[in-house]
Amino acid sequence: MKEIIYVFVAIFLAELGDKTQLATMAFASKYGWAKAFVGAIFGLALVNLIGAFIGDKIGDALPIELIHKGAGILFIIFGILMFFGKI
C-alpha cells in the first residue's frame, strides 16, 4: 500500500501546476469543471497506463541501475533543451 501512496504523491507533485493542469483549467473555463475533470482523468489515466505498461516491460529487460541512469540523462537533455527554448 505504501508504494501506491509514494506513486500518488510523486505524480500529484509532478502534475501540480504543469501544462496539463493549465490546459485542464482552460477546458474547464469553456466546457465546465465536470467535463474537463472527466476528460482530464481519462486522458491522464490512459497516458499513465501506457507508461506503466512500457515501464514494466523495460524493467523486465534492463537492470534498474541502467534505467535510472537513462532516465537521469533524458531529464538533463530535456532540461537543457527547455532552457534554450528548443522545446
PDB file of N, CA and C in Angstrom:
ATOM      1  N   MET A   1       0.813  -1.196   0.000  1.00  0.00           N
ATOM      2  CA  MET A   1       0.000   0.000   0.000  1.00  0.00           C
ATOM      3  C   MET A   1       0.859   1.264   0.000  1.00  0.00           C
ATOM      4  N   LYS A   2       1.988   1.228   0.727  1.00  0.00           N
ATOM      5  CA  LYS A   2       2.802   2.436   0.789  1.00  0.00           C
ATOM      6  C   LYS A   2       3.391   2.783  -0.576  1.00  0.00           C
ATOM      7  N   GLU A   3       3.611   1.771  -1.432  1.00  0.00           N
ATOM      8  CA  GLU A   3       4.119   2.050  -2.773  1.00  0.00           C
ATOM      9  C   GLU A   3       3.103   2.851  -3.575  1.00  0.00           C
ATOM     10  N   ILE A   4       1.814   2.526  -3.394  1.00  0.00           N
ATOM     11  CA  ILE A   4       0.762   3.266  -4.086  1.00  0.00           C
ATOM     12  C   ILE A   4       0.745   4.715  -3.605  1.00  0.00           C
ATOM     13  N   ILE A   5       0.927   4.927  -2.331  1.00  0.00           N
ATOM     14  CA  ILE A   5       0.967   6.292  -1.783  1.00  0.00           C
ATOM     15  C   ILE A   5       2.175   7.039  -2.336  1.00  0.00           C
ATOM     16  N   TYR A   6       3.340   6.385  -2.422  1.00  0.00           N
ATOM     17  CA  TYR A   6       4.539   7.020  -2.989  1.00  0.00           C
ATOM     18  C   TYR A   6       4.294   7.455  -4.433  1.00  0.00           C
ATOM     19  N   VAL A   7       3.689   6.566  -5.229  1.00  0.00           N
ATOM     20  CA  VAL A   7       3.407   6.896  -6.625  1.00  0.00           C
ATOM     21  C   VAL A   7       2.406   8.040  -6.700  1.00  0.00           C
ATOM     22  N   PHE A   8       1.359   7.988  -5.878  1.00  0.00           N
ATOM     23  CA  PHE A   8       0.361   9.054  -5.862  1.00  0.00           C
ATOM     24  C   PHE A   8       1.004  10.402  -5.563  1.00  0.00           C
ATOM     25  N   VAL A   9       1.811  10.472  -4.518  1.00  0.00           N
ATOM     26  CA  VAL A   9       2.438  11.736  -4.127  1.00  0.00           C
ATOM     27  C   VAL A   9       3.382  12.228  -5.225  1.00  0.00           C
ATOM     28  N   ALA A  10       4.161  11.330  -5.807  1.00  0.00           N
ATOM     29  CA  ALA A  10       5.097  11.736  -6.868  1.00  0.00           C
ATOM     30  C   ALA A  10       4.349  12.287  -8.077  1.00  0.00           C
ATOM     31  N   ILE A  11       3.298  11.595  -8.516  1.00  0.00           N
ATOM     32  CA  ILE A  11       2.520  12.053  -9.671  1.00  0.00           C
ATOM     33  C   ILE A  11       1.791  13.343  -9.336  1.00  0.00           C
ATOM     34  N   PHE A  12       1.207  13.418  -8.148  1.00  0.00           N
ATOM     35  CA  PHE A  12       0.484  14.626  -7.741  1.00  0.00           C
ATOM     36  C   PHE A  12       1.403  15.842  -7.769  1.00  0.00           C
ATOM     37  N   LEU A  13       2.583  15.718  -7.176  1.00  0.00           N
ATOM     38  CA  LEU A  13       3.511  16.848  -7.146  1.00  0.00           C
ATOM     39  C   LEU A  13       4.058  17.184  -8.537  1.00  0.00           C
ATOM     40  N   ALA A  14       4.290  16.159  -9.366  1.00  0.00           N
ATOM     41  CA  ALA A  14       4.803  16.399 -10.713  1.00  0.00           C
ATOM     42  C   ALA A  14       3.760  17.098 -11.579  1.00  0.00           C
ATOM     43  N   GLU A  15       2.497  16.775 -11.387  1.00  0.00           N
ATOM     44  CA  GLU A  15       1.433  17.338 -12.224  1.00  0.00           C
ATOM     45  C   GLU A  15       0.942  18.691 -11.734  1.00  0.00           C
ATOM     46  N   LEU A  16       1.205  19.015 -10.481  1.00  0.00           N
ATOM     47  CA  LEU A  16       0.704  20.252  -9.896  1.00  0.00           C
ATOM     48  C   LEU A  16       1.318  21.459 -10.601  1.00  0.00           C
ATOM     49  N   GLY A  17       0.504  22.205 -11.310  1.00  0.00           N
ATOM     50  CA  GLY A  17       0.968  23.430 -11.952  1.00  0.00           C
ATOM     51  C   GLY A  17       1.650  23.232 -13.296  1.00  0.00           C
ATOM     52  N   ASP A  18       1.602  22.035 -13.856  1.00  0.00           N
ATOM     53  CA  ASP A  18       2.252  21.837 -15.156  1.00  0.00           C
ATOM     54  C   ASP A  18       1.298  22.213 -16.286  1.00  0.00           C
ATOM     55  N   LYS A  19       1.735  22.019 -17.511  1.00  0.00           N
ATOM     56  CA  LYS A  19       0.928  22.404 -18.675  1.00  0.00           C
ATOM     57  C   LYS A  19      -0.382  21.641 -18.756  1.00  0.00           C
ATOM     58  N   THR A  20      -0.388  20.400 -18.299  1.00  0.00           N
ATOM     59  CA  THR A  20      -1.620  19.612 -18.320  1.00  0.00           C
ATOM     60  C   THR A  20      -2.676  20.252 -17.429  1.00  0.00           C
ATOM     61  N   GLN A  21      -2.271  20.700 -16.266  1.00  0.00           N
ATOM     62  CA  GLN A  21      -3.221  21.327 -15.350  1.00  0.00           C
ATOM     63  C   GLN A  21      -3.713  22.654 -15.923  1.00  0.00           C
ATOM     64  N   LEU A  22      -2.828  23.399 -16.544  1.00  0.00           N
ATOM     65  CA  LEU A  22      -3.228  24.665 -17.155  1.00  0.00           C
ATOM     66  C   LEU A  22      -4.202  24.422 -18.313  1.00  0.00           C
ATOM     67  N   ALA A  23      -3.958  23.381 -19.102  1.00  0.00           N
ATOM     68  CA  ALA A  23      -4.887  23.036 -20.188  1.00  0.00           C
ATOM     69  C   ALA A  23      -6.242  22.625 -19.620  1.00  0.00           C
ATOM     70  N   THR A  24      -6.237  21.874 -18.519  1.00  0.00           N
ATOM     71  CA  THR A  24      -7.492  21.478 -17.883  1.00  0.00           C
ATOM     72  C   THR A  24      -8.258  22.707 -17.405  1.00  0.00           C
ATOM     73  N   MET A  25      -7.557  23.686 -16.870  1.00  0.00           N
ATOM     74  CA  MET A  25      -8.212  24.932 -16.447  1.00  0.00           C
ATOM     75  C   MET A  25      -8.854  25.640 -17.639  1.00  0.00           C
ATOM     76  N   ALA A  26      -8.137  25.669 -18.759  1.00  0.00           N
ATOM     77  CA  ALA A  26      -8.676  26.320 -19.957  1.00  0.00           C
ATOM     78  C   ALA A  26      -9.921  25.584 -20.457  1.00  0.00           C
ATOM     79  N   PHE A  27      -9.870  24.254 -20.481  1.00  0.00           N
ATOM     80  CA  PHE A  27     -11.041  23.481 -20.896  1.00  0.00           C
ATOM     81  C   PHE A  27     -12.207  23.690 -19.936  1.00  0.00           C
ATOM     82  N   ALA A  28     -11.920  23.756 -18.641  1.00  0.00           N
ATOM     83  CA  ALA A  28     -12.978  23.970 -17.650  1.00  0.00           C
ATOM     84  C   ALA A  28     -13.647  25.317 -17.850  1.00  0.00           C
ATOM     85  N   SER A  29     -12.883  26.323 -18.236  1.00  0.00           N
ATOM     86  CA  SER A  29     -13.490  27.635 -18.450  1.00  0.00           C
ATOM     87  C   SER A  29     -14.425  27.637 -19.659  1.00  0.00           C
ATOM     88  N   LYS A  30     -14.185  26.728 -20.590  1.00  0.00           N
ATOM     89  CA  LYS A  30     -15.027  26.658 -21.793  1.00  0.00           C
ATOM     90  C   LYS A  30     -16.160  25.638 -21.652  1.00  0.00           C
ATOM     91  N   TYR A  31     -15.867  24.464 -21.076  1.00  0.00           N
ATOM     92  CA  TYR A  31     -16.827  23.362 -21.053  1.00  0.00           C
ATOM     93  C   TYR A  31     -17.400  23.063 -19.670  1.00  0.00           C
ATOM     94  N   GLY A  32     -16.903  23.709 -18.635  1.00  0.00           N
ATOM     95  CA  GLY A  32     -17.351  23.438 -17.278  1.00  0.00           C
ATOM     96  C   GLY A  32     -16.410  22.474 -16.563  1.00  0.00           C
ATOM     97  N   TRP A  33     -16.414  22.564 -15.245  1.00  0.00           N
ATOM     98  CA  TRP A  33     -15.439  21.802 -14.471  1.00  0.00           C
ATOM     99  C   TRP A  33     -15.661  20.294 -14.579  1.00  0.00           C
ATOM    100  N   ALA A  34     -16.913  19.836 -14.625  1.00  0.00           N
ATOM    101  CA  ALA A  34     -17.174  18.396 -14.617  1.00  0.00           C
ATOM    102  C   ALA A  34     -16.666  17.721 -15.891  1.00  0.00           C
ATOM    103  N   LYS A  35     -16.964  18.309 -17.047  1.00  0.00           N
ATOM    104  CA  LYS A  35     -16.499  17.723 -18.309  1.00  0.00           C
ATOM    105  C   LYS A  35     -14.978  17.778 -18.411  1.00  0.00           C
ATOM    106  N   ALA A  36     -14.399  18.886 -17.975  1.00  0.00           N
ATOM    107  CA  ALA A  36     -12.943  18.994 -18.009  1.00  0.00           C
ATOM    108  C   ALA A  36     -12.297  17.984 -17.067  1.00  0.00           C
ATOM    109  N   PHE A  37     -12.882  17.792 -15.897  1.00  0.00           N
ATOM    110  CA  PHE A  37     -12.358  16.843 -14.920  1.00  0.00           C
ATOM    111  C   PHE A  37     -12.401  15.419 -15.461  1.00  0.00           C
ATOM    112  N   VAL A  38     -13.552  15.022 -15.993  1.00  0.00           N
ATOM    113  CA  VAL A  38     -13.697  13.662 -16.514  1.00  0.00           C
ATOM    114  C   VAL A  38     -12.745  13.428 -17.688  1.00  0.00           C
ATOM    115  N   GLY A  39     -12.668  14.394 -18.604  1.00  0.00           N
ATOM    116  CA  GLY A  39     -11.745  14.264 -19.737  1.00  0.00           C
ATOM    117  C   GLY A  39     -10.297  14.190 -19.286  1.00  0.00           C
ATOM    118  N   ALA A  40      -9.926  15.018 -18.309  1.00  0.00           N
ATOM    119  CA  ALA A  40      -8.551  15.014 -17.808  1.00  0.00           C
ATOM    120  C   ALA A  40      -8.227  13.692 -17.108  1.00  0.00           C
ATOM    121  N   ILE A  41      -9.182  13.171 -16.345  1.00  0.00           N
ATOM    122  CA  ILE A  41      -8.961  11.901 -15.648  1.00  0.00           C
ATOM    123  C   ILE A  41      -8.717  10.775 -16.646  1.00  0.00           C
ATOM    124  N   PHE A  42      -9.588  10.684 -17.669  1.00  0.00           N
ATOM    125  CA  PHE A  42      -9.425   9.620 -18.663  1.00  0.00           C
ATOM    126  C   PHE A  42      -8.128   9.783 -19.452  1.00  0.00           C
ATOM    127  N   GLY A  43      -7.811  11.019 -19.831  1.00  0.00           N
ATOM    128  CA  GLY A  43      -6.570  11.253 -20.579  1.00  0.00           C
ATOM    129  C   GLY A  43      -5.343  10.904 -19.764  1.00  0.00           C
ATOM    130  N   LEU A  44      -5.301  11.361 -18.522  1.00  0.00           N
ATOM    131  CA  LEU A  44      -4.154  11.079 -17.663  1.00  0.00           C
ATOM    132  C   LEU A  44      -4.064   9.593 -17.336  1.00  0.00           C
ATOM    133  N   ALA A  45      -5.224   8.962 -17.122  1.00  0.00           N
ATOM    134  CA  ALA A  45      -5.217   7.524 -16.827  1.00  0.00           C
ATOM    135  C   ALA A  45      -4.655   6.729 -18.002  1.00  0.00           C
ATOM    136  N   LEU A  46      -5.055   7.076 -19.219  1.00  0.00           N
ATOM    137  CA  LEU A  46      -4.565   6.351 -20.392  1.00  0.00           C
ATOM    138  C   LEU A  46      -3.062   6.548 -20.572  1.00  0.00           C
ATOM    139  N   VAL A  47      -2.598   7.775 -20.432  1.00  0.00           N
ATOM    140  CA  VAL A  47      -1.162   8.042 -20.565  1.00  0.00           C
ATOM    141  C   VAL A  47      -0.374   7.283 -19.508  1.00  0.00           C
ATOM    142  N   ASN A  48      -0.875   7.278 -18.276  1.00  0.00           N
ATOM    143  CA  ASN A  48      -0.171   6.568 -17.206  1.00  0.00           C
ATOM    144  C   ASN A  48      -0.242   5.057 -17.379  1.00  0.00           C
ATOM    145  N   LEU A  49      -1.331   4.545 -17.937  1.00  0.00           N
ATOM    146  CA  LEU A  49      -1.419   3.119 -18.226  1.00  0.00           C
ATOM    147  C   LEU A  49      -0.351   2.721 -19.243  1.00  0.00           C
ATOM    148  N   ILE A  50      -0.220   3.524 -20.284  1.00  0.00           N
ATOM    149  CA  ILE A  50       0.812   3.258 -21.295  1.00  0.00           C
ATOM    150  C   ILE A  50       2.202   3.309 -20.649  1.00  0.00           C
ATOM    151  N   GLY A  51       2.452   4.335 -19.840  1.00  0.00           N
ATOM    152  CA  GLY A  51       3.753   4.458 -19.174  1.00  0.00           C
ATOM    153  C   GLY A  51       4.041   3.298 -18.233  1.00  0.00           C
ATOM    154  N   ALA A  52       3.036   2.883 -17.475  1.00  0.00           N
ATOM    155  CA  ALA A  52       3.229   1.765 -16.543  1.00  0.00           C
ATOM    156  C   ALA A  52       3.504   0.471 -17.300  1.00  0.00           C
ATOM    157  N   PHE A  53       2.772   0.242 -18.389  1.00  0.00           N
ATOM    158  CA  PHE A  53       2.963  -0.972 -19.182  1.00  0.00           C
ATOM    159  C   PHE A  53       4.366  -1.003 -19.796  1.00  0.00           C
ATOM    160  N   ILE A  54       4.773   0.106 -20.397  1.00  0.00           N
ATOM    161  CA  ILE A  54       6.107   0.164 -21.010  1.00  0.00           C
ATOM    162  C   ILE A  54       7.187   0.052 -19.936  1.00  0.00           C
ATOM    163  N   GLY A  55       6.978   0.743 -18.806  1.00  0.00           N
ATOM    164  CA  GLY A  55       7.946   0.662 -17.716  1.00  0.00           C
ATOM    165  C   GLY A  55       8.108  -0.750 -17.182  1.00  0.00           C
ATOM    166  N   ASP A  56       7.011  -1.473 -17.087  1.00  0.00           N
ATOM    167  CA  ASP A  56       7.051  -2.856 -16.630  1.00  0.00           C
ATOM    168  C   ASP A  56       7.869  -3.708 -17.598  1.00  0.00           C
ATOM    169  N   LYS A  57       7.645  -3.520 -18.892  1.00  0.00           N
ATOM    170  CA  LYS A  57       8.381  -4.299 -19.902  1.00  0.00           C
ATOM    171  C   LYS A  57       9.865  -3.923 -19.912  1.00  0.00           C
ATOM    172  N   ILE A  58      10.159  -2.636 -19.782  1.00  0.00           N
ATOM    173  CA  ILE A  58      11.568  -2.201 -19.731  1.00  0.00           C
ATOM    174  C   ILE A  58      12.230  -2.760 -18.480  1.00  0.00           C
ATOM    175  N   GLY A  59      11.493  -2.749 -17.359  1.00  0.00           N
ATOM    176  CA  GLY A  59      12.035  -3.278 -16.106  1.00  0.00           C
ATOM    177  C   GLY A  59      12.361  -4.761 -16.183  1.00  0.00           C
ATOM    178  N   ASP A  60      11.612  -5.487 -17.004  1.00  0.00           N
ATOM    179  CA  ASP A  60      11.901  -6.912 -17.188  1.00  0.00           C
ATOM    180  C   ASP A  60      13.146  -7.132 -18.049  1.00  0.00           C
ATOM    181  N   ALA A  61      13.444  -6.171 -18.929  1.00  0.00           N
ATOM    182  CA  ALA A  61      14.510  -6.360 -19.910  1.00  0.00           C
ATOM    183  C   ALA A  61      15.846  -5.731 -19.499  1.00  0.00           C
ATOM    184  N   LEU A  62      15.805  -4.701 -18.656  1.00  0.00           N
ATOM    185  CA  LEU A  62      17.039  -3.967 -18.327  1.00  0.00           C
ATOM    186  C   LEU A  62      17.241  -3.898 -16.817  1.00  0.00           C
ATOM    187  N   PRO A  63      18.498  -3.808 -16.384  1.00  0.00           N
ATOM    188  CA  PRO A  63      18.753  -3.630 -14.947  1.00  0.00           C
ATOM    189  C   PRO A  63      18.302  -2.242 -14.482  1.00  0.00           C
ATOM    190  N   ILE A  64      17.824  -2.156 -13.245  1.00  0.00           N
ATOM    191  CA  ILE A  64      17.267  -0.917 -12.709  1.00  0.00           C
ATOM    192  C   ILE A  64      18.289   0.219 -12.709  1.00  0.00           C
ATOM    193  N   GLU A  65      19.566  -0.096 -12.491  1.00  0.00           N
ATOM    194  CA  GLU A  65      20.591   0.951 -12.490  1.00  0.00           C
ATOM    195  C   GLU A  65      20.685   1.628 -13.853  1.00  0.00           C
ATOM    196  N   LEU A  66      20.592   0.843 -14.912  1.00  0.00           N
ATOM    197  CA  LEU A  66      20.640   1.388 -16.265  1.00  0.00           C
ATOM    198  C   LEU A  66      19.404   2.243 -16.546  1.00  0.00           C
ATOM    199  N   ILE A  67      18.258   1.812 -16.071  1.00  0.00           N
ATOM    200  CA  ILE A  67      17.027   2.583 -16.240  1.00  0.00           C
ATOM    201  C   ILE A  67      17.140   3.924 -15.520  1.00  0.00           C
ATOM    202  N   HIS A  68      17.649   3.921 -14.298  1.00  0.00           N
ATOM    203  CA  HIS A  68      17.814   5.162 -13.540  1.00  0.00           C
ATOM    204  C   HIS A  68      18.776   6.115 -14.242  1.00  0.00           C
ATOM    205  N   LYS A  69      19.894   5.588 -14.712  1.00  0.00           N
ATOM    206  CA  LYS A  69      20.866   6.440 -15.405  1.00  0.00           C
ATOM    207  C   LYS A  69      20.288   6.988 -16.709  1.00  0.00           C
ATOM    208  N   GLY A  70      19.587   6.150 -17.457  1.00  0.00           N
ATOM    209  CA  GLY A  70      18.962   6.593 -18.703  1.00  0.00           C
ATOM    210  C   GLY A  70      17.918   7.673 -18.456  1.00  0.00           C
ATOM    211  N   ALA A  71      17.103   7.485 -17.421  1.00  0.00           N
ATOM    212  CA  ALA A  71      16.086   8.487 -17.085  1.00  0.00           C
ATOM    213  C   ALA A  71      16.749   9.800 -16.671  1.00  0.00           C
ATOM    214  N   GLY A  72      17.818   9.714 -15.904  1.00  0.00           N
ATOM    215  CA  GLY A  72      18.536  10.918 -15.490  1.00  0.00           C
ATOM    216  C   GLY A  72      19.110  11.670 -16.674  1.00  0.00           C
ATOM    217  N   ILE A  73      19.689  10.940 -17.600  1.00  0.00           N
ATOM    218  CA  ILE A  73      20.246  11.567 -18.807  1.00  0.00           C
ATOM    219  C   ILE A  73      19.137  12.235 -19.622  1.00  0.00           C
ATOM    220  N   LEU A  74      18.005  11.563 -19.769  1.00  0.00           N
ATOM    221  CA  LEU A  74      16.884  12.156 -20.508  1.00  0.00           C
ATOM    222  C   LEU A  74      16.378  13.431 -19.836  1.00  0.00           C
ATOM    223  N   PHE A  75      16.263  13.429 -18.510  1.00  0.00           N
ATOM    224  CA  PHE A  75      15.836  14.630 -17.798  1.00  0.00           C
ATOM    225  C   PHE A  75      16.825  15.778 -18.022  1.00  0.00           C
ATOM    226  N   ILE A  76      18.111  15.482 -17.997  1.00  0.00           N
ATOM    227  CA  ILE A  76      19.127  16.517 -18.236  1.00  0.00           C
ATOM    228  C   ILE A  76      19.002  17.066 -19.649  1.00  0.00           C
ATOM    229  N   ILE A  77      18.854  16.173 -20.626  1.00  0.00           N
ATOM    230  CA  ILE A  77      18.724  16.609 -22.023  1.00  0.00           C
ATOM    231  C   ILE A  77      17.484  17.475 -22.192  1.00  0.00           C
ATOM    232  N   PHE A  78      16.342  17.027 -21.660  1.00  0.00           N
ATOM    233  CA  PHE A  78      15.121  17.824 -21.781  1.00  0.00           C
ATOM    234  C   PHE A  78      15.262  19.164 -21.060  1.00  0.00           C
ATOM    235  N   GLY A  79      15.921  19.170 -19.910  1.00  0.00           N
ATOM    236  CA  GLY A  79      16.145  20.422 -19.187  1.00  0.00           C
ATOM    237  C   GLY A  79      16.981  21.401 -19.989  1.00  0.00           C
ATOM    238  N   ILE A  80      18.032  20.906 -20.613  1.00  0.00           N
ATOM    239  CA  ILE A  80      18.886  21.773 -21.439  1.00  0.00           C
ATOM    240  C   ILE A  80      18.097  22.297 -22.640  1.00  0.00           C
ATOM    241  N   LEU A  81      17.345  21.426 -23.296  1.00  0.00           N
ATOM    242  CA  LEU A  81      16.547  21.854 -24.446  1.00  0.00           C
ATOM    243  C   LEU A  81      15.507  22.896 -24.041  1.00  0.00           C
ATOM    244  N   MET A  82      14.868  22.694 -22.901  1.00  0.00           N
ATOM    245  CA  MET A  82      13.891  23.668 -22.424  1.00  0.00           C
ATOM    246  C   MET A  82      14.568  24.993 -22.057  1.00  0.00           C
ATOM    247  N   PHE A  83      15.740  24.918 -21.470  1.00  0.00           N
ATOM    248  CA  PHE A  83      16.472  26.124 -21.090  1.00  0.00           C
ATOM    249  C   PHE A  83      16.767  26.998 -22.298  1.00  0.00           C
ATOM    250  N   PHE A  84      17.118  26.348 -23.409  1.00  0.00           N
ATOM    251  CA  PHE A  84      17.448  27.088 -24.629  1.00  0.00           C
ATOM    252  C   PHE A  84      16.236  27.303 -25.531  1.00  0.00           C
ATOM    253  N   GLY A  85      15.038  26.968 -25.042  1.00  0.00           N
ATOM    254  CA  GLY A  85      13.809  27.221 -25.785  1.00  0.00           C
ATOM    255  C   GLY A  85      13.616  26.352 -27.002  1.00  0.00           C
ATOM    256  N   LYS A  86      14.210  25.183 -27.027  1.00  0.00           N
ATOM    257  CA  LYS A  86      14.073  24.276 -28.170  1.00  0.00           C
ATOM    258  C   LYS A  86      12.839  23.391 -28.059  1.00  0.00           C
ATOM    259  N   ILE A  87      12.292  23.254 -26.862  1.00  0.00           N
ATOM    260  CA  ILE A  87      11.033  22.507 -26.709  1.00  0.00           C
ATOM    261  C   ILE A  87      10.120  23.259 -25.758  1.00  0.00           C
TER     262      ILE A  87
END
